Protein backbone atom coordinates (compact mmCIF):
# COMPACT_ATOMS: atom_id res chain seq x y z
CA MET A 1 0.04 0.03 0.00
CA MET A 2 2.77 2.33 0.84
CA LYS A 3 4.50 1.63 -2.49
CA ARG A 4 1.31 2.31 -4.47
CA THR A 5 0.80 5.51 -2.59
CA ALA A 6 4.42 6.67 -3.28
CA VAL A 7 3.90 5.91 -6.98
CA VAL A 8 0.58 7.91 -7.25
CA TYR A 9 2.26 10.80 -5.30
CA GLY A 10 5.31 10.63 -7.68
CA VAL A 11 3.05 10.70 -10.77
CA CYS A 12 1.13 13.77 -9.40
CA ILE A 13 4.42 15.53 -8.70
CA MET A 14 5.58 14.81 -12.27
CA LEU A 15 2.28 16.09 -13.74
CA LEU A 16 2.43 19.25 -11.66
CA MET A 17 6.15 19.93 -12.62
CA SER A 18 5.22 19.37 -16.29
CA MET A 19 2.56 21.99 -16.04
CA ILE A 20 4.95 24.47 -14.34
CA LEU A 21 7.49 23.94 -17.02
CA ARG A 22 4.86 24.47 -19.75
CA LEU A 23 3.65 27.76 -18.13
CA CYS A 24 7.38 28.94 -17.88
CA TRP A 25 7.91 28.18 -21.54
CA VAL A 26 4.82 30.15 -22.53
CA GLY A 27 5.84 32.97 -20.29
CA LEU A 28 9.37 33.15 -21.52
CA GLY A 29 8.97 31.84 -24.96
CA GLY A 30 7.54 32.92 -28.30
CA GLY A 31 3.89 32.86 -27.16
CA SER A 32 4.39 35.79 -24.86
CA LEU A 33 6.49 37.73 -27.29
CA GLN A 34 3.95 37.18 -29.95
CA ALA A 35 1.20 38.56 -27.65
CA MET A 36 3.32 41.64 -26.84
CA SER A 37 4.04 42.31 -30.42
CA GLY A 38 0.30 42.24 -31.35
CA GLN A 39 -0.70 45.83 -31.11
CA SER A 40 -4.16 47.45 -30.95
CA ARG A 41 -5.28 50.93 -31.55
CA TYR A 42 -6.67 53.14 -28.78
CA THR A 43 -8.85 56.17 -29.58
CA LEU A 44 -9.18 59.05 -27.24
CA GLN A 45 -12.05 61.38 -27.84
CA VAL A 46 -10.96 65.00 -27.41
CA GLY A 47 -14.13 67.02 -28.11
CA SER A 48 -16.49 68.22 -30.58
CA THR A 49 -17.66 71.53 -32.21
CA ARG A 50 -20.97 72.54 -33.49
CA GLY A 51 -21.81 74.87 -36.53
CA GLY A 52 -21.68 78.63 -35.77
CA ILE A 53 -24.34 81.22 -35.65
CA TYR A 54 -23.30 84.55 -36.97
CA ASP A 55 -24.69 88.04 -37.28
CA CYS A 56 -25.13 90.08 -40.50
CA ASN A 57 -21.51 91.19 -40.33
CA MET A 58 -20.28 87.66 -39.89
CA GLN A 59 -19.41 88.21 -36.26
CA PRO A 60 -19.93 84.98 -34.17
CA LEU A 61 -22.89 85.01 -31.77
CA VAL A 62 -21.68 81.73 -30.28
CA ASN A 63 -18.22 80.18 -30.14
CA ARG A 64 -16.65 83.50 -29.31
CA GLU A 65 -14.02 82.09 -26.90
CA TYR A 66 -11.87 78.99 -26.89
CA ARG A 67 -10.29 76.58 -24.46
CA GLU A 68 -7.19 74.48 -25.07
CA VAL A 69 -7.21 70.79 -24.65
CA SER A 70 -4.04 68.83 -25.15
CA ALA A 71 -4.05 65.04 -26.11
CA VAL A 72 -1.07 63.34 -24.67
CA VAL A 73 0.62 59.92 -25.45
CA PRO A 74 3.17 59.17 -22.62
CA SER A 75 6.76 58.70 -23.85
CA ALA A 76 10.19 59.98 -23.32
CA GLN A 77 9.51 63.02 -25.59
CA THR A 78 6.32 63.97 -23.79
CA LEU A 79 7.95 63.71 -20.41
CA ALA A 80 10.33 66.42 -21.48
CA VAL A 81 7.44 68.99 -21.56
CA LEU A 82 7.39 68.74 -17.78
CA SER A 83 10.24 71.36 -17.50
CA ALA A 84 7.94 73.99 -19.06
CA VAL A 85 4.93 73.78 -16.58
CA GLY A 86 4.40 74.83 -13.13
CA GLU A 87 4.93 72.69 -10.07
CA GLU A 88 1.22 71.79 -9.52
CA GLU A 89 0.72 70.95 -13.08
CA LYS A 90 4.02 69.07 -13.07
CA LYS A 91 2.60 66.77 -10.38
CA THR A 92 -0.61 66.10 -12.20
CA LEU A 93 1.17 65.51 -15.48
CA ARG A 94 3.69 63.13 -13.93
CA THR A 95 1.01 61.12 -12.44
CA LEU A 96 -0.85 60.85 -15.66
CA MET A 97 2.27 59.94 -17.66
CA GLU A 98 3.36 57.32 -15.20
CA ASN A 99 0.09 55.56 -15.71
CA GLY A 100 1.22 54.87 -19.26
CA LYS A 101 -2.06 55.52 -20.99
CA PRO A 102 -3.05 58.30 -23.32
CA PHE A 103 -4.88 61.15 -21.59
CA LEU A 104 -6.42 64.60 -21.98
CA TYR A 105 -4.85 67.66 -20.30
CA GLN A 106 -7.11 70.78 -19.91
CA GLY A 107 -4.65 73.37 -21.17
CA GLU A 108 -2.03 74.01 -23.79
CA LEU A 109 1.32 72.07 -23.79
CA GLN A 110 4.41 72.57 -25.60
CA GLN A 111 4.02 70.79 -29.04
CA THR A 112 6.20 67.70 -29.58
CA GLU A 113 5.75 64.18 -30.94
CA GLY A 114 2.85 62.48 -28.96
CA ILE A 115 1.27 65.85 -27.93
CA THR A 116 -1.55 67.63 -29.99
CA THR A 117 -3.41 70.70 -28.67
CA TYR A 118 -6.86 71.64 -29.92
CA ARG A 119 -8.71 74.92 -29.50
CA LEU A 120 -12.30 74.00 -28.77
CA PRO A 121 -14.96 76.74 -28.79
CA ILE A 122 -17.01 77.57 -25.72
CA ARG A 123 -20.58 77.61 -27.07
CA TYR A 124 -21.97 80.31 -24.79
CA THR A 125 -19.87 82.95 -23.12
CA ASP A 126 -22.60 85.55 -22.47
CA SER A 127 -26.37 85.93 -22.76
CA THR A 128 -26.48 88.23 -25.78
CA ALA A 129 -29.45 87.42 -27.94
CA CYS A 130 -30.08 84.25 -25.90
CA HIS A 131 -33.72 84.15 -26.81
CA ILE A 132 -32.97 84.24 -30.48
CA ILE A 133 -30.02 81.75 -30.29
CA GLY A 134 -31.74 79.26 -28.02
CA TYR A 135 -29.91 76.56 -26.01
CA LEU A 136 -28.85 72.92 -25.98
CA ASP A 137 -29.72 69.98 -23.84
CA GLY A 138 -27.19 67.82 -22.06
CA MET A 139 -26.67 65.62 -25.25
CA GLY A 140 -25.79 68.88 -27.19
CA GLN A 141 -29.01 68.93 -29.26
CA GLY A 142 -30.77 72.32 -29.89
CA ILE A 143 -33.87 72.77 -27.77
CA SER A 144 -35.03 76.24 -28.68
CA GLY A 145 -34.46 79.23 -31.02
CA ILE A 146 -31.92 79.01 -33.89
CA GLU A 147 -30.22 76.01 -32.20
CA ALA A 148 -33.32 73.94 -32.66
CA ALA A 149 -34.54 75.47 -36.01
CA PHE A 150 -31.21 74.52 -37.57
CA GLU A 151 -30.30 71.52 -35.55
CA SER A 152 -29.47 69.38 -38.53
CA LEU A 153 -27.31 71.94 -40.16
CA LEU A 154 -25.36 73.06 -37.10
CA ARG A 155 -24.66 69.42 -36.17
CA GLN A 156 -23.40 68.69 -39.74
CA GLN A 157 -21.27 71.67 -39.81
CA GLY A 158 -19.53 70.60 -36.60
CA GLU A 159 -16.62 68.25 -36.27
CA ASN A 160 -15.61 65.55 -33.82
CA TYR A 161 -11.99 65.59 -32.78
CA SER A 162 -10.10 62.38 -31.56
CA VAL A 163 -6.57 60.95 -31.49
CA SER A 164 -5.32 57.40 -31.84
CA CYS A 165 -2.28 55.54 -30.88
CA SER A 166 -0.89 52.04 -30.61
CA VAL A 167 -1.16 50.40 -27.18
CA ASP A 168 -0.01 47.01 -25.78
CA ALA A 169 -2.15 44.34 -24.24
CA VAL A 170 -2.42 46.34 -20.99
CA GLY A 171 -3.29 49.64 -22.70
CA HIS A 172 0.17 51.30 -22.42
CA ALA A 173 1.10 53.55 -25.27
CA ILE A 174 3.77 52.20 -27.65
CA ASP A 175 6.57 54.37 -29.17
CA GLY A 176 4.61 57.56 -28.51
CA GLN A 177 3.02 57.35 -31.97
CA MET A 178 -0.19 59.38 -32.45
CA TRP A 179 -2.64 59.91 -35.26
CA ALA A 180 -4.49 63.21 -34.78
CA ALA A 181 -7.23 64.65 -36.90
CA PRO A 182 -6.32 68.22 -38.10
CA GLN A 183 -8.48 71.02 -36.73
CA SER A 184 -10.49 73.42 -38.94
CA ASP A 185 -9.90 77.05 -38.43
CA SER A 186 -13.53 78.19 -39.33
CA LEU A 187 -16.94 76.75 -38.89
CA GLY A 188 -20.00 76.89 -41.29
CA GLY A 189 -23.36 77.61 -40.04
CA VAL A 190 -26.28 80.09 -40.07
CA VAL A 191 -26.14 83.82 -40.75
CA LEU A 192 -28.74 86.11 -39.09
CA SER A 193 -29.95 89.57 -39.79
CA ILE A 194 -29.16 90.47 -36.27
CA ASP A 195 -26.35 93.06 -35.72
CA ARG A 196 -24.61 92.00 -32.50
CA SER A 197 -23.93 95.77 -31.63
CA PHE A 198 -27.53 96.69 -32.18
CA GLN A 199 -28.53 93.64 -30.17
CA GLN A 200 -26.19 94.70 -27.30
CA LEU A 201 -27.37 98.33 -27.18
CA ALA A 202 -30.93 97.37 -27.25
CA GLU A 203 -30.56 94.82 -24.25
CA GLN A 204 -28.43 97.53 -22.45
CA ALA A 205 -31.13 100.15 -22.97
CA LEU A 206 -33.79 97.89 -21.47
CA ALA A 207 -31.50 97.16 -18.57
CA ASP A 208 -30.63 100.79 -17.95
CA GLY A 209 -34.27 101.68 -17.99
CA ASP A 210 -34.87 99.39 -14.98
CA VAL A 211 -37.16 97.27 -17.11
CA GLU A 212 -37.77 93.94 -15.32
CA ALA A 213 -39.69 92.38 -18.21
CA GLY A 214 -40.16 93.66 -21.61
CA ALA A 215 -38.78 93.79 -25.18
CA ALA A 216 -37.24 95.94 -27.84
CA VAL A 217 -37.20 95.47 -31.55
CA VAL A 218 -35.11 97.28 -34.21
CA MET A 219 -35.96 96.71 -37.85
CA ASP A 220 -34.60 98.09 -41.04
CA ILE A 221 -37.58 99.72 -42.60
CA TRP A 222 -36.26 99.28 -46.22
CA SER A 223 -35.28 95.51 -46.11
CA GLY A 224 -37.37 94.13 -43.19
CA GLU A 225 -34.15 92.69 -41.60
CA ILE A 226 -34.40 92.40 -37.84
CA LYS A 227 -31.17 94.12 -36.35
CA ALA A 228 -32.13 93.57 -32.75
CA MET A 229 -34.78 91.53 -30.88
CA ALA A 230 -34.16 91.93 -27.20
CA SER A 231 -36.25 90.40 -24.39
CA LEU A 232 -36.05 90.74 -20.60
CA PRO A 233 -35.43 89.02 -18.30
CA ILE A 234 -32.49 87.17 -19.97
CA TYR A 235 -31.21 83.78 -18.93
CA ASP A 236 -27.90 81.93 -18.89
CA PRO A 237 -27.89 79.31 -21.60
CA ASN A 238 -25.28 77.40 -19.69
CA ASN A 239 -27.64 77.09 -16.69
CA VAL A 240 -31.21 76.72 -18.09
CA ALA A 241 -32.17 74.82 -15.07
CA LEU A 242 -31.87 77.99 -12.98
CA ALA A 243 -34.10 79.80 -15.40
CA LEU A 244 -36.79 77.04 -15.09
CA GLN A 245 -36.81 77.33 -11.39
CA LYS A 246 -37.78 80.99 -11.59
CA ASP A 247 -41.32 82.23 -12.24
CA ASP A 248 -40.41 85.34 -14.26
CA GLY A 249 -40.81 83.69 -17.69
CA GLY A 250 -37.13 84.21 -18.49
CA LEU A 251 -37.19 81.69 -21.25
CA LEU A 252 -39.92 83.56 -23.24
CA ASN A 253 -39.02 85.72 -26.22
CA ARG A 254 -41.33 88.62 -25.26
CA ALA A 255 -40.78 90.28 -28.69
CA LEU A 256 -42.85 87.48 -30.17
CA CYS A 257 -45.58 87.36 -27.51
CA ALA A 258 -48.95 89.18 -27.75
CA TYR A 259 -49.84 92.04 -25.37
CA ASN A 260 -52.53 94.72 -25.07
CA VAL A 261 -51.49 97.47 -27.49
CA GLY A 262 -52.96 100.72 -26.30
CA SER A 263 -52.75 103.95 -28.01
CA ALA A 264 -50.12 102.75 -30.59
CA PHE A 265 -52.94 101.48 -32.45
CA LYS A 266 -54.23 104.96 -33.05
CA LEU A 267 -51.72 105.10 -35.93
CA ALA A 268 -53.62 102.38 -37.66
CA VAL A 269 -56.90 104.05 -37.10
CA ALA A 270 -55.54 107.37 -38.49
CA ALA A 271 -54.24 105.40 -41.41
CA ALA A 272 -57.57 103.95 -42.14
CA ALA A 273 -59.25 107.35 -41.95
CA LEU A 274 -56.79 109.05 -44.25
CA GLU A 275 -57.09 106.25 -46.80
CA GLU A 276 -60.87 106.78 -46.65
CA GLY A 277 -60.30 110.40 -47.59
CA VAL A 278 -60.82 111.96 -44.15
CA SER A 279 -58.80 115.17 -43.85
CA PRO A 280 -56.24 115.36 -41.04
CA GLU A 281 -58.02 118.79 -40.25
CA THR A 282 -61.13 117.00 -39.31
CA CYS A 283 -62.16 118.19 -35.83
CA PHE A 284 -64.00 116.52 -32.97
CA SER A 285 -64.60 117.91 -29.51
CA CYS A 286 -63.07 116.21 -26.37
CA THR A 287 -64.77 117.03 -23.13
CA GLY A 288 -62.80 114.50 -21.13
CA SER A 289 -65.20 111.57 -21.44
CA ILE A 290 -67.80 110.04 -23.67
CA VAL A 291 -70.75 107.57 -23.22
CA VAL A 292 -71.11 104.80 -25.73
CA ASP A 293 -73.78 102.15 -25.31
CA GLY A 294 -74.06 103.02 -21.61
CA THR A 295 -70.27 102.83 -20.94
CA ARG A 296 -68.32 106.00 -20.16
CA PHE A 297 -64.94 106.15 -21.70
CA HIS A 298 -62.29 108.66 -20.41
CA CYS A 299 -59.60 110.59 -21.89
CA HIS A 300 -56.36 110.61 -19.98
CA ASN A 301 -56.88 114.42 -19.84
CA LEU A 302 -60.03 114.32 -17.72
CA ALA A 303 -60.52 118.15 -18.29
CA GLY A 304 -60.76 117.48 -22.11
CA HIS A 305 -58.80 118.77 -25.11
CA GLY A 306 -61.68 120.85 -26.52
CA ASN A 307 -62.15 120.99 -30.24
CA ILE A 308 -59.04 119.38 -31.84
CA ASP A 309 -58.08 117.97 -35.29
CA MET A 310 -56.26 114.66 -36.02
CA ASN A 311 -52.83 116.14 -35.68
CA GLU A 312 -53.41 117.54 -32.23
CA ALA A 313 -55.28 114.36 -31.17
CA MET A 314 -52.28 112.20 -32.27
CA ASN A 315 -49.86 114.70 -30.47
CA HIS A 316 -51.72 114.53 -27.18
CA SER A 317 -53.03 110.93 -27.67
CA CYS A 318 -56.65 111.84 -27.12
CA ASN A 319 -58.89 108.88 -26.74
CA ILE A 320 -62.11 110.77 -27.25
CA TYR A 321 -61.09 112.03 -30.68
CA PHE A 322 -60.25 108.46 -31.86
CA ILE A 323 -63.62 107.10 -30.43
CA GLU A 324 -65.40 109.67 -32.50
CA LEU A 325 -63.29 109.04 -35.57
CA ALA A 326 -63.90 105.36 -35.35
CA ARG A 327 -67.58 105.78 -34.95
CA SER A 328 -67.75 108.06 -38.01
CA LEU A 329 -65.73 105.52 -40.15
CA GLY A 330 -67.34 102.26 -38.92
CA ALA A 331 -65.42 99.04 -37.95
CA GLU A 332 -64.81 97.67 -41.37
CA PRO A 333 -62.27 100.17 -42.81
CA ILE A 334 -60.23 100.12 -39.55
CA ARG A 335 -60.22 96.39 -39.39
CA LYS A 336 -59.18 96.08 -42.92
CA MET A 337 -56.20 98.39 -42.35
CA ALA A 338 -55.28 96.38 -39.22
CA VAL A 339 -55.28 93.07 -41.35
CA ARG A 340 -53.21 94.89 -44.10
CA LEU A 341 -50.61 95.95 -41.44
CA GLY A 342 -50.34 92.45 -40.02
CA PHE A 343 -52.60 92.43 -37.00
CA GLY A 344 -54.11 89.04 -36.25
CA SER A 345 -51.56 87.17 -38.31
CA ALA A 346 -48.45 85.15 -37.10
CA ILE A 347 -45.01 86.12 -38.41
CA PRO A 348 -42.87 83.09 -39.23
CA LEU A 349 -39.10 83.72 -38.80
CA ALA A 350 -37.66 80.19 -39.00
CA ASP A 351 -38.72 76.61 -38.35
CA GLY A 352 -40.37 76.72 -34.97
CA ILE A 353 -39.73 80.39 -34.49
CA ALA A 354 -42.65 82.90 -35.01
CA ALA A 355 -44.36 85.87 -33.49
CA VAL A 356 -47.79 84.78 -32.43
CA SER A 357 -50.81 86.13 -34.25
CA GLY A 358 -52.34 88.02 -31.34
CA SER A 359 -55.99 88.71 -31.32
CA LEU A 360 -58.17 90.78 -33.75
CA ALA A 361 -61.91 90.91 -33.28
CA SER A 362 -64.23 90.45 -36.24
CA SER A 363 -66.21 93.25 -37.87
CA GLU A 364 -69.45 91.90 -36.29
CA GLU A 365 -67.77 92.11 -32.74
CA LEU A 366 -66.60 95.65 -33.27
CA GLN A 367 -69.77 97.42 -32.47
CA GLY A 368 -70.76 100.06 -29.87
CA GLY A 369 -68.47 99.96 -26.81
CA GLU A 370 -66.16 97.29 -28.39
CA LEU A 371 -65.46 99.51 -31.35
CA ALA A 372 -64.77 102.46 -28.91
CA ASN A 373 -62.28 100.24 -27.04
CA PHE A 374 -60.71 99.13 -30.44
CA SER A 375 -60.23 102.73 -31.58
CA PHE A 376 -57.54 103.26 -29.00
CA GLY A 377 -56.10 99.87 -28.96
CA GLN A 378 -57.97 98.34 -25.95
CA GLY A 379 -60.55 95.60 -25.56
CA ARG A 380 -59.88 92.39 -27.48
CA LEU A 381 -56.92 93.61 -29.50
CA THR A 382 -53.54 92.14 -28.77
CA ALA A 383 -50.32 92.31 -30.79
CA THR A 384 -46.63 91.48 -30.54
CA PRO A 385 -43.71 94.00 -30.49
CA LEU A 386 -42.57 92.59 -33.89
CA GLN A 387 -46.06 93.26 -35.39
CA LEU A 388 -45.83 96.89 -34.11
CA ALA A 389 -42.39 97.09 -35.70
CA VAL A 390 -43.92 96.05 -39.05
CA MET A 391 -46.58 98.68 -38.86
CA THR A 392 -44.17 101.42 -37.89
CA ALA A 393 -41.82 100.42 -40.84
CA ALA A 394 -44.70 100.75 -43.27
CA ILE A 395 -45.42 104.23 -42.07
CA ALA A 396 -41.85 105.22 -42.21
CA ASN A 397 -40.93 103.78 -45.63
CA GLY A 398 -43.82 105.18 -47.76
CA GLY A 399 -46.63 102.68 -47.07
CA GLU A 400 -45.00 99.28 -47.85
CA LYS A 401 -45.54 96.31 -45.48
CA LEU A 402 -42.41 94.18 -45.25
CA SER A 403 -42.09 90.73 -43.93
CA PRO A 404 -39.51 90.64 -41.13
CA GLN A 405 -36.43 88.66 -41.82
CA LEU A 406 -34.23 87.00 -39.10
CA VAL A 407 -32.26 84.46 -41.19
CA LEU A 408 -30.06 85.81 -44.03
CA GLY A 409 -28.77 82.27 -45.15
CA THR A 410 -25.98 79.97 -44.44
CA THR A 411 -22.17 79.99 -44.63
CA GLU A 412 -19.73 77.21 -45.23
CA ASP A 413 -16.62 78.90 -43.78
CA GLY A 414 -17.90 81.40 -41.36
CA LEU A 415 -16.50 84.15 -43.55
CA THR A 416 -18.88 84.56 -46.50
CA LEU A 417 -22.64 84.11 -47.14
CA ALA A 418 -22.83 80.99 -49.32
CA GLU A 419 -26.56 80.59 -49.64
CA LYS A 420 -28.68 83.69 -49.26
CA TYR A 421 -32.28 83.18 -48.44
CA PRO A 422 -34.83 85.22 -50.50
CA ARG A 423 -36.82 87.89 -48.84
CA TYR A 424 -40.50 87.47 -48.30
CA ALA A 425 -42.95 89.38 -50.43
CA SER A 426 -43.98 92.95 -49.50
CA ALA A 427 -47.21 94.75 -50.08
CA GLU A 428 -48.35 98.33 -50.36
CA VAL A 429 -50.78 98.97 -47.37
CA MET A 430 -51.17 102.73 -47.69
CA SER A 431 -50.50 105.52 -50.03
CA VAL A 432 -47.26 107.52 -49.88
CA GLN A 433 -49.31 110.59 -49.00
CA THR A 434 -50.85 108.80 -46.02
CA SER A 435 -47.43 107.58 -44.92
CA GLU A 436 -45.96 111.14 -45.11
CA THR A 437 -48.89 112.55 -43.20
CA LEU A 438 -48.57 109.97 -40.39
CA ARG A 439 -44.76 110.58 -40.30
CA ALA A 440 -45.22 114.23 -39.80
CA MET A 441 -47.64 113.42 -36.93
CA MET A 442 -45.20 111.11 -35.30
CA VAL A 443 -42.33 113.67 -35.53
CA GLN A 444 -44.59 116.17 -33.83
CA VAL A 445 -45.34 113.74 -31.07
CA VAL A 446 -41.70 113.53 -30.25
CA GLU A 447 -40.82 117.24 -30.78
CA GLU A 448 -43.96 118.77 -29.06
CA GLY A 449 -46.26 116.12 -27.55
CA SER A 450 -46.43 113.12 -25.31
CA GLY A 451 -43.20 111.54 -26.70
CA ALA A 452 -40.94 114.34 -25.62
CA ASN A 453 -38.86 111.97 -23.59
CA ALA A 454 -38.10 109.93 -26.69
CA ALA A 455 -36.10 112.65 -28.50
CA PRO A 456 -32.56 111.30 -29.13
CA ALA A 457 -29.45 113.21 -28.81
CA VAL A 458 -29.01 113.72 -32.63
CA GLY A 459 -31.16 113.11 -35.62
CA GLY A 460 -34.70 113.52 -34.26
CA ALA A 461 -37.27 110.81 -34.36
CA GLY A 462 -41.03 110.17 -34.90
CA GLY A 463 -43.07 108.05 -32.50
CA LYS A 464 -46.16 107.36 -30.58
CA THR A 465 -46.64 106.57 -26.86
CA ALA A 466 -49.04 104.00 -25.46
CA SER A 467 -50.17 103.05 -22.04
CA ALA A 468 -52.13 99.76 -22.46
CA GLN A 469 -54.56 98.61 -19.76
CA THR A 470 -54.66 94.87 -19.18
CA GLY A 471 -57.59 94.28 -16.90
CA ARG A 472 -55.18 92.39 -14.56
CA ALA A 473 -53.91 93.32 -11.29
CA ASP A 474 -50.33 93.08 -9.71
CA PRO A 475 -49.78 91.55 -6.33
CA SER A 476 -50.54 94.93 -4.68
CA GLY A 477 -53.92 95.02 -6.45
CA LYS A 478 -52.95 97.87 -8.83
CA GLU A 479 -53.91 97.40 -12.51
CA LEU A 480 -51.15 96.26 -14.72
CA VAL A 481 -50.65 98.87 -17.43
CA HIS A 482 -47.95 98.08 -20.17
CA ALA A 483 -45.85 100.96 -21.41
CA TRP A 484 -45.11 101.11 -25.11
CA PHE A 485 -43.17 103.43 -27.47
CA VAL A 486 -43.20 102.90 -31.21
CA GLY A 487 -41.22 104.98 -33.59
CA PHE A 488 -38.66 105.53 -36.36
CA TYR A 489 -35.19 106.98 -36.44
CA PRO A 490 -33.89 109.36 -37.70
CA ALA A 491 -36.66 111.83 -38.27
CA ARG A 492 -36.01 113.19 -41.83
CA THR A 493 -34.53 110.07 -43.37
CA PRO A 494 -35.84 107.16 -41.55
CA ARG A 495 -33.90 104.02 -41.44
CA TRP A 496 -35.01 101.94 -38.40
CA ALA A 497 -38.27 101.15 -36.81
CA VAL A 498 -37.73 100.86 -33.12
CA VAL A 499 -40.39 99.40 -30.73
CA VAL A 500 -40.02 99.27 -26.94
CA LEU A 501 -42.45 97.29 -24.52
CA CYS A 502 -42.16 97.65 -20.72
CA GLU A 503 -44.32 95.03 -19.04
CA GLY A 504 -46.49 96.76 -16.29
CA GLY A 505 -44.35 99.92 -16.86
CA GLY A 506 -47.34 102.31 -16.73
CA SER A 507 -46.77 105.36 -18.77
CA GLY A 508 -45.34 104.86 -22.22
CA GLY A 509 -44.08 108.51 -22.31
CA ASP A 510 -42.39 108.23 -18.89
CA VAL A 511 -40.99 104.64 -19.12
CA ALA A 512 -40.73 103.36 -22.66
CA ALA A 513 -39.80 106.56 -24.40
CA PRO A 514 -36.46 107.00 -22.60
CA VAL A 515 -35.46 103.52 -23.60
CA PHE A 516 -36.37 104.34 -27.20
CA ARG A 517 -34.23 107.56 -26.90
CA GLN A 518 -31.22 105.50 -25.57
CA ILE A 519 -31.37 103.03 -28.36
CA CYS A 520 -31.46 105.70 -31.06
CA SER A 521 -28.65 107.75 -29.42
CA SER A 522 -26.63 104.53 -29.07
CA ILE A 523 -27.12 103.72 -32.86
CA ALA A 524 -25.68 107.19 -33.69
CA ASP A 525 -22.80 106.48 -31.34
CA LEU A 526 -21.91 103.35 -33.37
CA GLY A 527 -20.29 105.64 -35.96
CA TYR A 528 -22.93 106.78 -38.26
CA VAL A 529 -21.74 110.22 -39.39
CA ALA A 530 -23.83 113.41 -39.45
CA SER A 531 -24.56 113.12 -43.11
CA ASP A 532 -26.12 109.81 -42.56
CA LEU A 533 -28.50 111.30 -40.15
CA ASN A 534 -29.06 114.48 -42.27
CA ILE A 535 -27.74 116.56 -39.49
CA PRO A 536 -26.08 119.88 -40.32
């Protein structure tokens, strides 16, 4: 039995030793060397870019600043760059290099074999035009504004950057070799009609006017191009979650939202009357109030303006005069003019971006007291700041209604406009004579009437104040009244229609008019010479 046990034990020992010898041969022989020589490729994702969004001067509205990211393949050559960095960075880099695997370093390193530095754009560096541009979700997809409207194009125009190198079986870089995709110096994308300088001055004017919520629009009266479309409050596109936590509607583009219009609509009523052949010298008597169908309507001047003509009524924004004018005309001519000017119709600007239609009562509804309210922009009438800019531009340019344009086209290199989008059709909505008469009235409003606070430093302007009742109350129980000012600049050779809305601001002449004045004065400060403004 002992001999048999010894034999079995000996056989087991021999088998075990055979296995050990085999493992040693594999570990030291050709099998291991063959495994070590078999290389694989390791790819390191550096970052990505997204197509640009540019203003009308090809100035970027996004991707305005950059950050450096260096892709490093550890080797003797890359180890040499440690001498050029600070002590804290040196510790970080040494630890990463000793790990032996390719890595990313947030910053720029001295270029050598095995190191490639990329300049990656920072998408948003401020909140300029944030309501127009929109924002991205966590996956980098456009959620609102131009980012969403041109999601496919902007994604296609972007690039993904990565580097590759050979690694051994445990993932360590071999020979410091790297294959890096070259970086493009320019990005294609979308070109807007917005002028970044105009956008900034409009936003600044609203902020300086202590406007908590409101909007400002600047539109070229000859082309329909929107040069600025500001909305307050703004939000940080890098922190949309914070805006969602607030209850101030910061994500809303108020320039595209509908509001009670108020006395700015008197321009449309006057246009309808003039087109119907009513003389601007036609007089009505204002005693301070009037009763229509059992409802008493008041003028802001409770003592009344007396016997006044259309020029004086516009100058002093007399409600009673326009009630009497509307009653003499009837609802249909006024409503037709409103429709021709764009009231009651949405304004498309891009895929998913449009000014809402607002509300416009039917001719059947505009009877009695409803017509009286309609005559000075109250009641069921609502409109957007952009719609009022369209009306103002038509008055200022000789009677042509233009469709606003926000997107000029696309670019392939961020330097030139490659594909220019056609402008929308325009239509004549009033005669040149009517336009000139209204322009003269609006200039008088600024020079002598309720719009005195809107007079810019140079060039003069024409405009109309409005204080629109909403029928709603603020937390203190006081009725919310929106402050408006609509106008054109400069006075004698108009170029821009400018509309200002201050939510709950109260008096258009006291609150919105100074914002208008700052916008126009800032436009002059941009470098337009005296001859451009027709100034001696």
